[in-house]
PDB file of N, CA and C in Angstrom:
ATOM      1  N   MET A   1     -34.421 -55.091 -87.583  1.00  0.00           N
ATOM      2  CA  MET A   1     -33.194 -55.697 -87.093  1.00  0.00           C
ATOM      3  C   MET A   1     -32.340 -56.191 -88.244  1.00  0.00           C
ATOM      4  N   ASP A   2     -32.959 -56.519 -89.376  1.00  0.00           N
ATOM      5  CA  ASP A   2     -32.300 -57.006 -90.547  1.00  0.00           C
ATOM      6  C   ASP A   2     -31.466 -55.871 -91.139  1.00  0.00           C
ATOM      7  N   ALA A   3     -31.959 -54.698 -91.094  1.00  0.00           N
ATOM      8  CA  ALA A   3     -31.347 -53.534 -91.647  1.00  0.00           C
ATOM      9  C   ALA A   3     -29.914 -53.326 -90.967  1.00  0.00           C
ATOM     10  N   ILE A   4     -29.829 -53.573 -89.691  1.00  0.00           N
ATOM     11  CA  ILE A   4     -28.600 -53.406 -89.074  1.00  0.00           C
ATOM     12  C   ILE A   4     -27.624 -54.436 -89.524  1.00  0.00           C
ATOM     13  N   GLY A   5     -28.035 -55.661 -89.704  1.00  0.00           N
ATOM     14  CA  GLY A   5     -27.187 -56.759 -90.250  1.00  0.00           C
ATOM     15  C   GLY A   5     -26.708 -56.402 -91.644  1.00  0.00           C
ATOM     16  N   GLN A   6     -27.609 -55.839 -92.401  1.00  0.00           N
ATOM     17  CA  GLN A   6     -27.184 -55.430 -93.769  1.00  0.00           C
ATOM     18  C   GLN A   6     -26.094 -54.309 -93.754  1.00  0.00           C
ATOM     19  N   PHE A   7     -26.355 -53.384 -92.787  1.00  0.00           N
ATOM     20  CA  PHE A   7     -25.341 -52.343 -92.618  1.00  0.00           C
ATOM     21  C   PHE A   7     -23.984 -52.880 -92.318  1.00  0.00           C
ATOM     22  N   PHE A   8     -23.939 -53.767 -91.357  1.00  0.00           N
ATOM     23  CA  PHE A   8     -22.616 -54.345 -90.891  1.00  0.00           C
ATOM     24  C   PHE A   8     -21.992 -55.230 -92.034  1.00  0.00           C
ATOM     25  N   ALA A   9     -22.827 -55.821 -92.807  1.00  0.00           N
ATOM     26  CA  ALA A   9     -22.369 -56.628 -93.947  1.00  0.00           C
ATOM     27  C   ALA A   9     -21.806 -55.761 -95.096  1.00  0.00           C
ATOM     28  N   MET A  10     -22.205 -54.505 -95.115  1.00  0.00           N
ATOM     29  CA  MET A  10     -21.701 -53.529 -96.068  1.00  0.00           C
ATOM     30  C   MET A  10     -21.810 -54.008 -97.552  1.00  0.00           C
ATOM     31  N   GLY A  11     -22.885 -54.685 -97.788  1.00  0.00           N
ATOM     32  CA  GLY A  11     -23.113 -55.172 -99.150  1.00  0.00           C
ATOM     33  C   GLY A  11     -22.135 -56.154 -99.586  1.00  0.00           C
ATOM     34  N   GLY A  12     -21.567 -56.950 -98.726  1.00  0.00           N
ATOM     35  CA  GLY A  12     -20.584 -57.968 -99.085  1.00  0.00           C
ATOM     36  C   GLY A  12     -19.119 -57.480 -98.978  1.00  0.00           C
ATOM     37  N   TYR A  13     -18.927 -56.251 -98.685  1.00  0.00           N
ATOM     38  CA  TYR A  13     -17.579 -55.675 -98.589  1.00  0.00           C
ATOM     39  C   TYR A  13     -17.082 -55.473 -97.203  1.00  0.00           C
ATOM     40  N   ALA A  14     -17.776 -56.025 -96.204  1.00  0.00           N
ATOM     41  CA  ALA A  14     -17.392 -55.893 -94.833  1.00  0.00           C
ATOM     42  C   ALA A  14     -15.949 -56.367 -94.543  1.00  0.00           C
ATOM     43  N   ALA A  15     -15.538 -57.380 -95.287  1.00  0.00           N
ATOM     44  CA  ALA A  15     -14.205 -57.949 -95.043  1.00  0.00           C
ATOM     45  C   ALA A  15     -13.075 -56.914 -95.360  1.00  0.00           C
ATOM     46  N   TYR A  16     -13.543 -55.906 -96.216  1.00  0.00           N
ATOM     47  CA  TYR A  16     -12.541 -54.884 -96.547  1.00  0.00           C
ATOM     48  C   TYR A  16     -12.777 -53.551 -95.731  1.00  0.00           C
ATOM     49  N   VAL A  17     -14.035 -53.254 -95.516  1.00  0.00           N
ATOM     50  CA  VAL A  17     -14.400 -52.016 -94.888  1.00  0.00           C
ATOM     51  C   VAL A  17     -13.967 -51.966 -93.443  1.00  0.00           C
ATOM     52  N   TRP A  18     -14.424 -52.943 -92.653  1.00  0.00           N
ATOM     53  CA  TRP A  18     -14.080 -52.989 -91.231  1.00  0.00           C
ATOM     54  C   TRP A  18     -12.605 -53.005 -90.838  1.00  0.00           C
ATOM     55  N   PRO A  19     -11.782 -53.844 -91.435  1.00  0.00           N
ATOM     56  CA  PRO A  19     -10.405 -53.794 -91.190  1.00  0.00           C
ATOM     57  C   PRO A  19      -9.816 -52.439 -91.528  1.00  0.00           C
ATOM     58  N   ALA A  20     -10.208 -51.869 -92.644  1.00  0.00           N
ATOM     59  CA  ALA A  20      -9.669 -50.580 -93.066  1.00  0.00           C
ATOM     60  C   ALA A  20     -10.077 -49.551 -91.955  1.00  0.00           C
ATOM     61  N   PHE A  21     -11.280 -49.610 -91.529  1.00  0.00           N
ATOM     62  CA  PHE A  21     -11.805 -48.659 -90.510  1.00  0.00           C
ATOM     63  C   PHE A  21     -11.006 -48.854 -89.257  1.00  0.00           C
ATOM     64  N   ALA A  22     -10.741 -50.059 -88.821  1.00  0.00           N
ATOM     65  CA  ALA A  22      -9.910 -50.333 -87.579  1.00  0.00           C
ATOM     66  C   ALA A  22      -8.447 -49.757 -87.791  1.00  0.00           C
ATOM     67  N   ILE A  23      -7.892 -49.979 -88.965  1.00  0.00           N
ATOM     68  CA  ILE A  23      -6.511 -49.490 -89.160  1.00  0.00           C
ATOM     69  C   ILE A  23      -6.498 -47.967 -89.075  1.00  0.00           C
ATOM     70  N   VAL A  24      -7.497 -47.313 -89.619  1.00  0.00           N
ATOM     71  CA  VAL A  24      -7.614 -45.818 -89.553  1.00  0.00           C
ATOM     72  C   VAL A  24      -7.651 -45.371 -88.028  1.00  0.00           C
ATOM     73  N   LEU A  25      -8.564 -46.057 -87.285  1.00  0.00           N
ATOM     74  CA  LEU A  25      -8.669 -45.733 -85.888  1.00  0.00           C
ATOM     75  C   LEU A  25      -7.357 -45.909 -85.096  1.00  0.00           C
ATOM     76  N   VAL A  26      -6.652 -46.996 -85.385  1.00  0.00           N
ATOM     77  CA  VAL A  26      -5.414 -47.238 -84.751  1.00  0.00           C
ATOM     78  C   VAL A  26      -4.358 -46.191 -85.025  1.00  0.00           C
ATOM     79  N   VAL A  27      -4.310 -45.821 -86.357  1.00  0.00           N
ATOM     80  CA  VAL A  27      -3.307 -44.846 -86.778  1.00  0.00           C
ATOM     81  C   VAL A  27      -3.633 -43.520 -86.191  1.00  0.00           C
ATOM     82  N   MET A  28      -4.920 -43.104 -86.165  1.00  0.00           N
ATOM     83  CA  MET A  28      -5.323 -41.844 -85.555  1.00  0.00           C
ATOM     84  C   MET A  28      -5.042 -41.834 -84.073  1.00  0.00           C
ATOM     85  N   ALA A  29      -5.262 -42.914 -83.358  1.00  0.00           N
ATOM     86  CA  ALA A  29      -4.944 -42.971 -81.967  1.00  0.00           C
ATOM     87  C   ALA A  29      -3.435 -42.862 -81.713  1.00  0.00           C
ATOM     88  N   LEU A  30      -2.665 -43.573 -82.566  1.00  0.00           N
ATOM     89  CA  LEU A  30      -1.218 -43.353 -82.384  1.00  0.00           C
ATOM     90  C   LEU A  30      -0.735 -41.975 -82.617  1.00  0.00           C
ATOM     91  N   MET A  31      -1.257 -41.325 -83.615  1.00  0.00           N
ATOM     92  CA  MET A  31      -0.979 -39.948 -83.918  1.00  0.00           C
ATOM     93  C   MET A  31      -1.340 -39.039 -82.781  1.00  0.00           C
ATOM     94  N   TRP A  32      -2.467 -39.313 -82.157  1.00  0.00           N
ATOM     95  CA  TRP A  32      -2.871 -38.520 -80.970  1.00  0.00           C
ATOM     96  C   TRP A  32      -1.957 -38.611 -79.813  1.00  0.00           C
ATOM     97  N   PHE A  33      -1.558 -39.949 -79.508  1.00  0.00           N
ATOM     98  CA  PHE A  33      -0.709 -40.249 -78.387  1.00  0.00           C
ATOM     99  C   PHE A  33       0.654 -39.638 -78.619  1.00  0.00           C
ATOM    100  N   THR A  34       1.146 -39.754 -79.816  1.00  0.00           N
ATOM    101  CA  THR A  34       2.526 -39.208 -80.051  1.00  0.00           C
ATOM    102  C   THR A  34       2.485 -37.671 -80.042  1.00  0.00           C
ATOM    103  N   GLY A  35       1.376 -37.060 -80.475  1.00  0.00           N
ATOM    104  CA  GLY A  35       1.251 -35.628 -80.474  1.00  0.00           C
ATOM    105  C   GLY A  35       1.239 -35.133 -78.987  1.00  0.00           C
ATOM    106  N   ILE A  36       0.444 -35.840 -78.098  1.00  0.00           N
ATOM    107  CA  ILE A  36       0.414 -35.414 -76.681  1.00  0.00           C
ATOM    108  C   ILE A  36       1.723 -35.645 -76.043  1.00  0.00           C
ATOM    109  N   HIS A  37       2.404 -36.724 -76.415  1.00  0.00           N
ATOM    110  CA  HIS A  37       3.753 -37.012 -75.760  1.00  0.00           C
ATOM    111  C   HIS A  37       4.715 -35.896 -76.252  1.00  0.00           C
ATOM    112  N   GLY A  38       4.744 -35.489 -77.465  1.00  0.00           N
ATOM    113  CA  GLY A  38       5.637 -34.503 -77.984  1.00  0.00           C
ATOM    114  C   GLY A  38       5.289 -33.181 -77.378  1.00  0.00           C
ATOM    115  N   TRP A  39       4.041 -32.849 -77.190  1.00  0.00           N
ATOM    116  CA  TRP A  39       3.619 -31.615 -76.574  1.00  0.00           C
ATOM    117  C   TRP A  39       4.140 -31.529 -75.146  1.00  0.00           C
ATOM    118  N   ARG A  40       3.964 -32.653 -74.416  1.00  0.00           N
ATOM    119  CA  ARG A  40       4.368 -32.622 -73.035  1.00  0.00           C
ATOM    120  C   ARG A  40       5.922 -32.453 -72.897  1.00  0.00           C
ATOM    121  N   LYS A  41       6.634 -33.173 -73.887  1.00  0.00           N
ATOM    122  CA  LYS A  41       8.120 -33.060 -73.818  1.00  0.00           C
ATOM    123  C   LYS A  41       8.510 -31.634 -74.166  1.00  0.00           C
ATOM    124  N   SER A  42       7.829 -30.996 -75.043  1.00  0.00           N
ATOM    125  CA  SER A  42       8.146 -29.603 -75.459  1.00  0.00           C
ATOM    126  C   SER A  42       7.872 -28.648 -74.281  1.00  0.00           C
ATOM    127  N   GLU A  43       6.810 -28.929 -73.501  1.00  0.00           N
ATOM    128  CA  GLU A  43       6.494 -28.094 -72.394  1.00  0.00           C
ATOM    129  C   GLU A  43       7.606 -28.264 -71.271  1.00  0.00           C
ATOM    130  N   GLN A  44       8.130 -29.425 -71.120  1.00  0.00           N
ATOM    131  CA  GLN A  44       9.154 -29.674 -70.140  1.00  0.00           C
ATOM    132  C   GLN A  44      10.434 -28.912 -70.568  1.00  0.00           C
ATOM    133  N   THR A  45      10.825 -29.044 -71.901  1.00  0.00           N
ATOM    134  CA  THR A  45      11.927 -28.377 -72.436  1.00  0.00           C
ATOM    135  C   THR A  45      11.843 -26.842 -72.257  1.00  0.00           C
ATOM    136  N   LEU A  46      10.684 -26.335 -72.601  1.00  0.00           N
ATOM    137  CA  LEU A  46      10.481 -24.876 -72.406  1.00  0.00           C
ATOM    138  C   LEU A  46      10.584 -24.451 -70.991  1.00  0.00           C
ATOM    139  N   ALA A  47      10.037 -25.194 -70.086  1.00  0.00           N
ATOM    140  CA  ALA A  47      10.134 -24.881 -68.681  1.00  0.00           C
ATOM    141  C   ALA A  47      11.623 -24.887 -68.215  1.00  0.00           C
ATOM    142  N   ALA A  48      12.395 -25.889 -68.667  1.00  0.00           N
ATOM    143  CA  ALA A  48      13.828 -25.934 -68.285  1.00  0.00           C
ATOM    144  C   ALA A  48      14.536 -24.759 -68.931  1.00  0.00           C
ATOM    145  N   LEU A  49      14.206 -24.408 -70.076  1.00  0.00           N
ATOM    146  CA  LEU A  49      14.931 -23.254 -70.748  1.00  0.00           C
ATOM    147  C   LEU A  49      14.589 -21.954 -70.015  1.00  0.00           C
ATOM    148  N   ARG A  50      13.312 -21.830 -69.661  1.00  0.00           N
ATOM    149  CA  ARG A  50      12.978 -20.612 -68.929  1.00  0.00           C
ATOM    150  C   ARG A  50      13.631 -20.487 -67.570  1.00  0.00           C
ATOM    151  N   SER A  51      13.677 -21.636 -66.913  1.00  0.00           N
ATOM    152  CA  SER A  51      14.312 -21.707 -65.626  1.00  0.00           C
ATOM    153  C   SER A  51      15.899 -21.342 -65.749  1.00  0.00           C
ATOM    154  N   ASN A  52      16.478 -21.901 -66.751  1.00  0.00           N
ATOM    155  CA  ASN A  52      17.883 -21.673 -67.020  1.00  0.00           C
ATOM    156  C   ASN A  52      18.092 -20.118 -67.344  1.00  0.00           C
ATOM    157  N   ARG A  53      17.174 -19.591 -68.109  1.00  0.00           N
ATOM    158  CA  ARG A  53      17.319 -18.110 -68.434  1.00  0.00           C
ATOM    159  C   ARG A  53      17.178 -17.282 -67.193  1.00  0.00           C
ATOM    160  N   ARG A  54      16.199 -17.613 -66.350  1.00  0.00           N
ATOM    161  CA  ARG A  54      15.993 -16.865 -65.071  1.00  0.00           C
ATOM    162  C   ARG A  54      17.231 -16.956 -64.212  1.00  0.00           C
ATOM    163  N   GLN A  55      17.856 -18.087 -64.178  1.00  0.00           N
ATOM    164  CA  GLN A  55      19.009 -18.351 -63.357  1.00  0.00           C
ATOM    165  C   GLN A  55      20.197 -17.543 -63.923  1.00  0.00           C
ATOM    166  N   ARG A  56      20.414 -17.462 -65.234  1.00  0.00           N
ATOM    167  CA  ARG A  56      21.502 -16.679 -65.815  1.00  0.00           C
ATOM    168  C   ARG A  56      21.324 -15.292 -65.685  1.00  0.00           C
ATOM    169  N   GLU A  57      20.027 -14.753 -65.756  1.00  0.00           N
ATOM    170  CA  GLU A  57      19.760 -13.340 -65.490  1.00  0.00           C
ATOM    171  C   GLU A  57      19.916 -12.930 -64.097  1.00  0.00           C
ATOM    172  N   GLY A  58      19.670 -13.856 -63.188  1.00  0.00           N
ATOM    173  CA  GLY A  58      19.856 -13.548 -61.750  1.00  0.00           C
ATOM    174  C   GLY A  58      21.428 -13.512 -61.461  1.00  0.00           C
ATOM    175  N   ASP A  59      22.205 -14.374 -62.054  1.00  0.00           N
ATOM    176  CA  ASP A  59      23.650 -14.387 -61.867  1.00  0.00           C
ATOM    177  C   ASP A  59      24.288 -13.086 -62.475  1.00  0.00           C
ATOM    178  N   ALA A  60      23.725 -12.519 -63.544  1.00  0.00           N
ATOM    179  CA  ALA A  60      24.300 -11.358 -64.173  1.00  0.00           C
ATOM    180  C   ALA A  60      24.123 -10.095 -63.331  1.00  0.00           C
ATOM    181  N   GLU A  61      23.197 -10.141 -62.461  1.00  0.00           N
ATOM    182  CA  GLU A  61      22.986  -8.925 -61.635  1.00  0.00           C
ATOM    183  C   GLU A  61      23.976  -8.744 -60.522  1.00  0.00           C
TER     184      GLU A  61
END
C-alpha cells in the first residue's frame, strides 16, 4: 500500500505533475468537444447545401 502512496507523491514532484496532468486532460476534452461541435455544424451545413442543390436542380427541369 505504501508503493501507491509513493507513486502518487511522484518523488516529491506531485505538486507539479498532477496539475499538469489535469490541465492536459481539460485541454484534450475541450479539443474533443469543439471538434465534435464543428463536425456536427459541418454536417448540418452540408445537408443544407445538398438540399438547396436538389431544389435548384428540380427548378431547372
